[in-house]
Amino acid sequence: MKRKQEFMLPGLPTPISHYCDAVQWGDLLFISGMAPIDAQGRVVSDDVVAQTRQVFENLKAALDAASASFADVLKVTVYLTDVNDRVKINPVRKEYFGEARPASTLIGINQLAIPGMRVEIEAVVGLHNHKV
């Protein structure tokens, strides 16, 4: 059995560099940083709340492909170009996670990979015998 599996997920745009959307190692799924982009690779808005909602929809697509949910997310890393936007995006985060509270790191960063991006989120997921 292959220990490491790489995945390109349907419905998400092709990665802009040499990486895949997710990597499964045993019962862990590592989801690459999800950007606020639509299926055509366009940044959805200049509003950080709208961008965050798109990021979580893209993350949901990765979770759905693994038959997992936001309750299975163990850790997220959130990258913001303005850390003060944390208070704006937290309500969106609560919508998707509900009562689940993953471990989390927030990193303020000058710039993200695609011009216009204000937020990017990556995740580590416990699969509990789920298959991607």
N, C-alpha and C. Protein backbone atom coordinates (compact mmCIF):
# COMPACT_ATOMS: atom_id res chain seq x y z
N MET A 1 0.84 -1.19 0.00
CA MET A 1 0.00 0.00 0.00
C MET A 1 0.88 1.24 0.00
N LYS A 2 0.55 2.19 -0.86
CA LYS A 2 1.28 3.45 -0.93
C LYS A 2 0.96 4.28 0.31
N ARG A 3 1.99 4.75 1.00
CA ARG A 3 1.77 5.49 2.24
C ARG A 3 1.36 6.94 1.98
N LYS A 4 1.84 7.50 0.89
CA LYS A 4 1.53 8.90 0.60
C LYS A 4 0.73 8.96 -0.69
N GLN A 5 -0.38 9.72 -0.66
CA GLN A 5 -1.18 9.92 -1.85
C GLN A 5 -1.37 11.42 -2.07
N GLU A 6 -1.18 11.86 -3.31
CA GLU A 6 -1.36 13.26 -3.67
C GLU A 6 -2.67 13.39 -4.44
N PHE A 7 -3.38 14.51 -4.21
CA PHE A 7 -4.69 14.70 -4.82
C PHE A 7 -4.83 16.07 -5.46
N MET A 8 -5.41 16.07 -6.64
CA MET A 8 -5.88 17.26 -7.32
C MET A 8 -7.40 17.14 -7.27
N LEU A 9 -8.06 18.11 -6.69
CA LEU A 9 -9.48 17.97 -6.42
C LEU A 9 -10.34 18.59 -7.51
N PRO A 10 -11.37 17.87 -7.97
CA PRO A 10 -12.26 18.42 -8.99
C PRO A 10 -13.00 19.65 -8.45
N GLY A 11 -13.23 20.61 -9.31
CA GLY A 11 -13.95 21.81 -8.91
C GLY A 11 -13.05 22.92 -8.39
N LEU A 12 -11.78 22.60 -8.15
CA LEU A 12 -10.84 23.63 -7.73
C LEU A 12 -9.92 23.95 -8.90
N PRO A 13 -9.48 25.21 -9.02
CA PRO A 13 -8.58 25.54 -10.13
C PRO A 13 -7.25 24.81 -9.99
N THR A 14 -6.56 24.66 -11.10
CA THR A 14 -5.24 24.03 -11.10
C THR A 14 -4.30 24.86 -10.25
N PRO A 15 -3.51 24.24 -9.37
CA PRO A 15 -2.55 25.00 -8.56
C PRO A 15 -1.63 25.84 -9.45
N ILE A 16 -1.21 26.99 -8.91
CA ILE A 16 -0.40 27.92 -9.69
C ILE A 16 1.09 27.58 -9.68
N SER A 17 1.46 26.54 -8.96
CA SER A 17 2.86 26.16 -8.86
C SER A 17 2.95 24.64 -8.77
N HIS A 18 4.10 24.15 -8.36
CA HIS A 18 4.36 22.70 -8.29
C HIS A 18 3.92 22.14 -6.93
N TYR A 19 2.61 21.98 -6.77
CA TYR A 19 2.04 21.38 -5.56
C TYR A 19 0.69 20.78 -5.91
N CYS A 20 0.13 20.04 -4.98
CA CYS A 20 -1.20 19.46 -5.17
C CYS A 20 -2.15 20.07 -4.14
N ASP A 21 -3.43 19.81 -4.32
CA ASP A 21 -4.44 20.37 -3.41
C ASP A 21 -4.38 19.76 -2.03
N ALA A 22 -4.06 18.46 -1.96
CA ALA A 22 -4.04 17.77 -0.67
C ALA A 22 -3.12 16.56 -0.75
N VAL A 23 -2.60 16.19 0.40
CA VAL A 23 -1.78 14.99 0.53
C VAL A 23 -2.31 14.18 1.71
N GLN A 24 -2.56 12.91 1.45
CA GLN A 24 -2.98 12.02 2.53
C GLN A 24 -1.78 11.19 2.96
N TRP A 25 -1.59 11.11 4.28
CA TRP A 25 -0.56 10.26 4.88
C TRP A 25 -1.25 9.53 6.02
N GLY A 26 -1.52 8.26 5.82
CA GLY A 26 -2.24 7.50 6.85
C GLY A 26 -3.62 8.10 7.06
N ASP A 27 -3.94 8.39 8.31
CA ASP A 27 -5.24 8.96 8.66
C ASP A 27 -5.23 10.49 8.69
N LEU A 28 -4.19 11.10 8.14
CA LEU A 28 -4.10 12.56 8.10
C LEU A 28 -4.21 13.05 6.67
N LEU A 29 -4.92 14.15 6.50
CA LEU A 29 -5.02 14.82 5.22
C LEU A 29 -4.50 16.24 5.41
N PHE A 30 -3.52 16.62 4.62
CA PHE A 30 -2.94 17.95 4.66
C PHE A 30 -3.48 18.71 3.45
N ILE A 31 -4.26 19.76 3.70
CA ILE A 31 -4.86 20.53 2.63
C ILE A 31 -4.02 21.79 2.42
N SER A 32 -3.59 21.97 1.18
CA SER A 32 -2.79 23.15 0.82
C SER A 32 -3.58 24.42 1.11
N GLY A 33 -2.87 25.53 1.18
CA GLY A 33 -3.52 26.81 1.40
C GLY A 33 -4.61 27.05 0.37
N MET A 34 -5.83 27.24 0.86
CA MET A 34 -6.96 27.52 -0.02
C MET A 34 -7.05 29.03 -0.22
N ALA A 35 -7.17 29.40 -1.49
CA ALA A 35 -7.23 30.81 -1.86
C ALA A 35 -8.68 31.22 -2.11
N PRO A 36 -8.95 32.51 -2.07
CA PRO A 36 -10.31 33.00 -2.32
C PRO A 36 -10.58 33.14 -3.82
N ILE A 37 -10.43 32.02 -4.52
CA ILE A 37 -10.59 32.05 -5.98
C ILE A 37 -11.70 31.11 -6.41
N ASP A 38 -12.31 31.46 -7.55
CA ASP A 38 -13.37 30.63 -8.11
C ASP A 38 -12.76 29.56 -9.01
N ALA A 39 -13.60 28.77 -9.64
CA ALA A 39 -13.14 27.66 -10.48
C ALA A 39 -12.30 28.12 -11.67
N GLN A 40 -12.44 29.38 -12.06
CA GLN A 40 -11.65 29.92 -13.16
C GLN A 40 -10.33 30.54 -12.68
N GLY A 41 -10.08 30.49 -11.37
CA GLY A 41 -8.83 31.01 -10.82
C GLY A 41 -8.84 32.51 -10.56
N ARG A 42 -10.03 33.11 -10.50
CA ARG A 42 -10.14 34.55 -10.26
C ARG A 42 -10.42 34.82 -8.78
N VAL A 43 -9.77 35.85 -8.22
CA VAL A 43 -10.07 36.28 -6.86
C VAL A 43 -11.51 36.79 -6.86
N VAL A 44 -12.31 36.32 -5.92
CA VAL A 44 -13.76 36.56 -5.97
C VAL A 44 -14.19 37.99 -5.62
N SER A 45 -13.39 38.71 -4.87
CA SER A 45 -13.81 40.03 -4.39
C SER A 45 -12.59 40.70 -3.77
N ASP A 46 -12.72 41.98 -3.46
CA ASP A 46 -11.66 42.63 -2.69
C ASP A 46 -12.05 42.72 -1.21
N ASP A 47 -13.25 42.22 -0.87
CA ASP A 47 -13.74 42.22 0.50
C ASP A 47 -13.25 40.98 1.24
N VAL A 48 -12.61 41.16 2.39
CA VAL A 48 -12.01 40.04 3.11
C VAL A 48 -13.06 39.04 3.59
N VAL A 49 -14.27 39.49 3.90
CA VAL A 49 -15.32 38.57 4.34
C VAL A 49 -15.76 37.68 3.18
N ALA A 50 -15.99 38.27 2.01
CA ALA A 50 -16.37 37.49 0.82
C ALA A 50 -15.23 36.54 0.44
N GLN A 51 -14.00 37.01 0.55
CA GLN A 51 -12.86 36.14 0.25
C GLN A 51 -12.81 34.96 1.22
N THR A 52 -13.04 35.22 2.49
CA THR A 52 -12.99 34.16 3.50
C THR A 52 -14.08 33.12 3.24
N ARG A 53 -15.25 33.58 2.86
CA ARG A 53 -16.34 32.65 2.55
C ARG A 53 -15.93 31.74 1.38
N GLN A 54 -15.29 32.29 0.35
CA GLN A 54 -14.84 31.49 -0.78
C GLN A 54 -13.75 30.51 -0.35
N VAL A 55 -12.84 30.95 0.51
CA VAL A 55 -11.81 30.05 1.02
C VAL A 55 -12.45 28.86 1.72
N PHE A 56 -13.44 29.12 2.56
CA PHE A 56 -14.09 28.02 3.28
C PHE A 56 -14.91 27.13 2.34
N GLU A 57 -15.48 27.69 1.29
CA GLU A 57 -16.17 26.85 0.30
C GLU A 57 -15.17 25.94 -0.42
N ASN A 58 -13.99 26.47 -0.74
CA ASN A 58 -12.95 25.65 -1.38
C ASN A 58 -12.44 24.58 -0.41
N LEU A 59 -12.28 24.96 0.85
CA LEU A 59 -11.87 23.99 1.86
C LEU A 59 -12.95 22.92 2.04
N LYS A 60 -14.22 23.33 1.99
CA LYS A 60 -15.33 22.37 2.09
C LYS A 60 -15.28 21.37 0.93
N ALA A 61 -14.93 21.83 -0.26
CA ALA A 61 -14.82 20.92 -1.41
C ALA A 61 -13.76 19.86 -1.15
N ALA A 62 -12.64 20.26 -0.56
CA ALA A 62 -11.59 19.30 -0.23
C ALA A 62 -12.06 18.33 0.85
N LEU A 63 -12.75 18.83 1.85
CA LEU A 63 -13.27 17.97 2.92
C LEU A 63 -14.32 17.00 2.36
N ASP A 64 -15.21 17.49 1.50
CA ASP A 64 -16.23 16.63 0.89
C ASP A 64 -15.58 15.49 0.11
N ALA A 65 -14.51 15.80 -0.61
CA ALA A 65 -13.83 14.77 -1.40
C ALA A 65 -13.25 13.68 -0.51
N ALA A 66 -12.95 14.03 0.73
CA ALA A 66 -12.40 13.07 1.69
C ALA A 66 -13.48 12.46 2.58
N SER A 67 -14.76 12.76 2.28
CA SER A 67 -15.87 12.33 3.15
C SER A 67 -15.63 12.78 4.58
N ALA A 68 -15.08 13.97 4.72
CA ALA A 68 -14.80 14.56 6.03
C ALA A 68 -15.62 15.84 6.18
N SER A 69 -15.55 16.42 7.35
CA SER A 69 -16.29 17.66 7.62
C SER A 69 -15.40 18.61 8.40
N PHE A 70 -15.92 19.80 8.64
CA PHE A 70 -15.16 20.77 9.42
C PHE A 70 -14.90 20.25 10.84
N ALA A 71 -15.75 19.36 11.34
CA ALA A 71 -15.54 18.77 12.66
C ALA A 71 -14.28 17.90 12.69
N ASP A 72 -13.82 17.44 11.53
CA ASP A 72 -12.62 16.60 11.45
C ASP A 72 -11.32 17.41 11.34
N VAL A 73 -11.44 18.72 11.18
CA VAL A 73 -10.25 19.56 11.03
C VAL A 73 -9.55 19.66 12.38
N LEU A 74 -8.26 19.30 12.38
CA LEU A 74 -7.45 19.33 13.60
C LEU A 74 -6.77 20.67 13.81
N LYS A 75 -6.29 21.29 12.70
CA LYS A 75 -5.54 22.53 12.80
C LYS A 75 -5.70 23.33 11.53
N VAL A 76 -5.80 24.64 11.67
CA VAL A 76 -5.77 25.55 10.53
C VAL A 76 -4.65 26.56 10.74
N THR A 77 -4.11 27.02 9.63
CA THR A 77 -3.20 28.15 9.63
C THR A 77 -3.83 29.19 8.73
N VAL A 78 -4.06 30.38 9.29
CA VAL A 78 -4.72 31.47 8.58
C VAL A 78 -3.67 32.54 8.28
N TYR A 79 -3.61 32.93 7.02
CA TYR A 79 -2.70 33.99 6.58
C TYR A 79 -3.55 35.19 6.19
N LEU A 80 -3.28 36.34 6.80
CA LEU A 80 -4.02 37.57 6.50
C LEU A 80 -3.03 38.68 6.15
N THR A 81 -3.39 39.48 5.16
CA THR A 81 -2.54 40.63 4.83
C THR A 81 -2.76 41.77 5.82
N ASP A 82 -3.81 41.69 6.62
CA ASP A 82 -4.05 42.66 7.69
C ASP A 82 -4.62 41.87 8.88
N VAL A 83 -3.82 41.67 9.91
CA VAL A 83 -4.28 40.85 11.05
C VAL A 83 -5.49 41.45 11.74
N ASN A 84 -5.74 42.73 11.55
CA ASN A 84 -6.93 43.34 12.13
C ASN A 84 -8.21 42.82 11.49
N ASP A 85 -8.10 42.17 10.32
CA ASP A 85 -9.27 41.56 9.67
C ASP A 85 -9.75 40.31 10.40
N ARG A 86 -8.99 39.85 11.38
CA ARG A 86 -9.39 38.66 12.15
C ARG A 86 -10.80 38.81 12.70
N VAL A 87 -11.12 39.97 13.23
CA VAL A 87 -12.46 40.17 13.80
C VAL A 87 -13.55 40.14 12.73
N LYS A 88 -13.21 40.48 11.49
CA LYS A 88 -14.18 40.44 10.40
C LYS A 88 -14.43 39.01 9.92
N ILE A 89 -13.38 38.18 9.93
CA ILE A 89 -13.53 36.83 9.38
C ILE A 89 -13.99 35.80 10.41
N ASN A 90 -13.85 36.10 11.70
CA ASN A 90 -14.25 35.13 12.72
C ASN A 90 -15.70 34.69 12.63
N PRO A 91 -16.66 35.59 12.34
CA PRO A 91 -18.05 35.12 12.21
C PRO A 91 -18.21 34.12 11.06
N VAL A 92 -17.49 34.31 9.96
CA VAL A 92 -17.56 33.37 8.84
C VAL A 92 -16.97 32.03 9.28
N ARG A 93 -15.87 32.10 9.97
CA ARG A 93 -15.22 30.88 10.47
C ARG A 93 -16.18 30.09 11.35
N LYS A 94 -16.89 30.79 12.25
CA LYS A 94 -17.84 30.12 13.14
C LYS A 94 -18.99 29.49 12.36
N GLU A 95 -19.43 30.12 11.26
CA GLU A 95 -20.48 29.55 10.43
C GLU A 95 -20.09 28.16 9.93
N TYR A 96 -18.85 28.01 9.52
CA TYR A 96 -18.39 26.75 8.93
C TYR A 96 -17.99 25.72 9.98
N PHE A 97 -17.36 26.16 11.05
CA PHE A 97 -16.89 25.22 12.07
C PHE A 97 -17.94 24.89 13.12
N GLY A 98 -18.92 25.73 13.29
CA GLY A 98 -19.93 25.48 14.32
C GLY A 98 -19.27 25.38 15.69
N GLU A 99 -19.54 24.30 16.39
CA GLU A 99 -18.98 24.10 17.72
C GLU A 99 -17.54 23.58 17.70
N ALA A 100 -17.09 23.10 16.55
CA ALA A 100 -15.71 22.56 16.45
C ALA A 100 -14.70 23.70 16.59
N ARG A 101 -13.64 23.43 17.33
CA ARG A 101 -12.59 24.42 17.55
C ARG A 101 -11.23 23.79 17.27
N PRO A 102 -10.78 23.88 16.03
CA PRO A 102 -9.46 23.31 15.73
C PRO A 102 -8.35 24.15 16.33
N ALA A 103 -7.18 23.56 16.48
CA ALA A 103 -6.00 24.36 16.82
C ALA A 103 -5.81 25.35 15.68
N SER A 104 -5.21 26.50 15.98
CA SER A 104 -5.14 27.54 14.96
C SER A 104 -3.93 28.43 15.14
N THR A 105 -3.39 28.87 14.02
CA THR A 105 -2.32 29.86 14.01
C THR A 105 -2.72 30.96 13.04
N LEU A 106 -2.52 32.21 13.43
CA LEU A 106 -2.79 33.36 12.57
C LEU A 106 -1.46 34.02 12.25
N ILE A 107 -1.21 34.22 10.96
CA ILE A 107 0.04 34.84 10.53
C ILE A 107 -0.28 36.06 9.68
N GLY A 108 0.26 37.21 10.07
CA GLY A 108 0.16 38.42 9.26
C GLY A 108 1.26 38.40 8.22
N ILE A 109 0.90 38.73 6.99
CA ILE A 109 1.84 38.61 5.88
C ILE A 109 1.64 39.81 4.96
N ASN A 110 2.73 40.28 4.34
CA ASN A 110 2.64 41.44 3.45
C ASN A 110 1.84 41.16 2.19
N GLN A 111 2.03 39.97 1.63
CA GLN A 111 1.46 39.67 0.32
C GLN A 111 1.23 38.18 0.20
N LEU A 112 0.19 37.81 -0.55
CA LEU A 112 -0.08 36.41 -0.83
C LEU A 112 0.20 36.15 -2.32
N ALA A 113 0.12 34.89 -2.73
CA ALA A 113 0.60 34.47 -4.05
C ALA A 113 -0.11 35.12 -5.24
N ILE A 114 -1.40 35.38 -5.11
CA ILE A 114 -2.17 35.95 -6.21
C ILE A 114 -2.54 37.38 -5.84
N PRO A 115 -2.24 38.34 -6.72
CA PRO A 115 -2.59 39.74 -6.42
C PRO A 115 -4.06 39.89 -6.05
N GLY A 116 -4.33 40.66 -5.01
CA GLY A 116 -5.70 40.89 -4.55
C GLY A 116 -6.14 39.98 -3.42
N MET A 117 -5.40 38.90 -3.19
CA MET A 117 -5.76 38.01 -2.09
C MET A 117 -5.49 38.70 -0.76
N ARG A 118 -6.45 38.58 0.15
CA ARG A 118 -6.28 39.12 1.50
C ARG A 118 -6.23 38.03 2.56
N VAL A 119 -6.62 36.79 2.17
CA VAL A 119 -6.67 35.68 3.12
C VAL A 119 -6.36 34.37 2.41
N GLU A 120 -5.72 33.46 3.13
CA GLU A 120 -5.47 32.10 2.67
C GLU A 120 -5.48 31.21 3.90
N ILE A 121 -6.04 30.01 3.78
CA ILE A 121 -6.14 29.10 4.93
C ILE A 121 -5.75 27.69 4.51
N GLU A 122 -4.88 27.07 5.30
CA GLU A 122 -4.52 25.66 5.09
C GLU A 122 -5.01 24.86 6.29
N ALA A 123 -5.11 23.54 6.12
CA ALA A 123 -5.69 22.72 7.18
C ALA A 123 -5.04 21.34 7.26
N VAL A 124 -5.08 20.78 8.46
CA VAL A 124 -4.71 19.39 8.71
C VAL A 124 -5.98 18.71 9.23
N VAL A 125 -6.31 17.57 8.63
CA VAL A 125 -7.58 16.90 8.90
C VAL A 125 -7.33 15.47 9.37
N GLY A 126 -8.06 15.05 10.40
CA GLY A 126 -8.04 13.65 10.83
C GLY A 126 -9.13 12.90 10.08
N LEU A 127 -8.75 11.85 9.36
CA LEU A 127 -9.70 11.19 8.47
C LEU A 127 -10.53 10.08 9.11
N HIS A 128 -10.13 9.52 10.21
CA HIS A 128 -10.95 8.48 10.86
C HIS A 128 -11.45 7.44 9.87
N ASN A 129 -10.55 6.86 9.10
CA ASN A 129 -10.88 5.83 8.12
C ASN A 129 -11.60 6.35 6.87
N HIS A 130 -11.63 7.68 6.68
CA HIS A 130 -12.18 8.23 5.43
C HIS A 130 -11.17 7.98 4.32
N LYS A 131 -11.65 7.97 3.11
CA LYS A 131 -10.78 7.83 1.93
C LYS A 131 -10.99 9.01 1.01
N VAL A 132 -9.92 9.55 0.46
CA VAL A 132 -10.03 10.61 -0.54
C VAL A 132 -10.14 9.96 -1.89
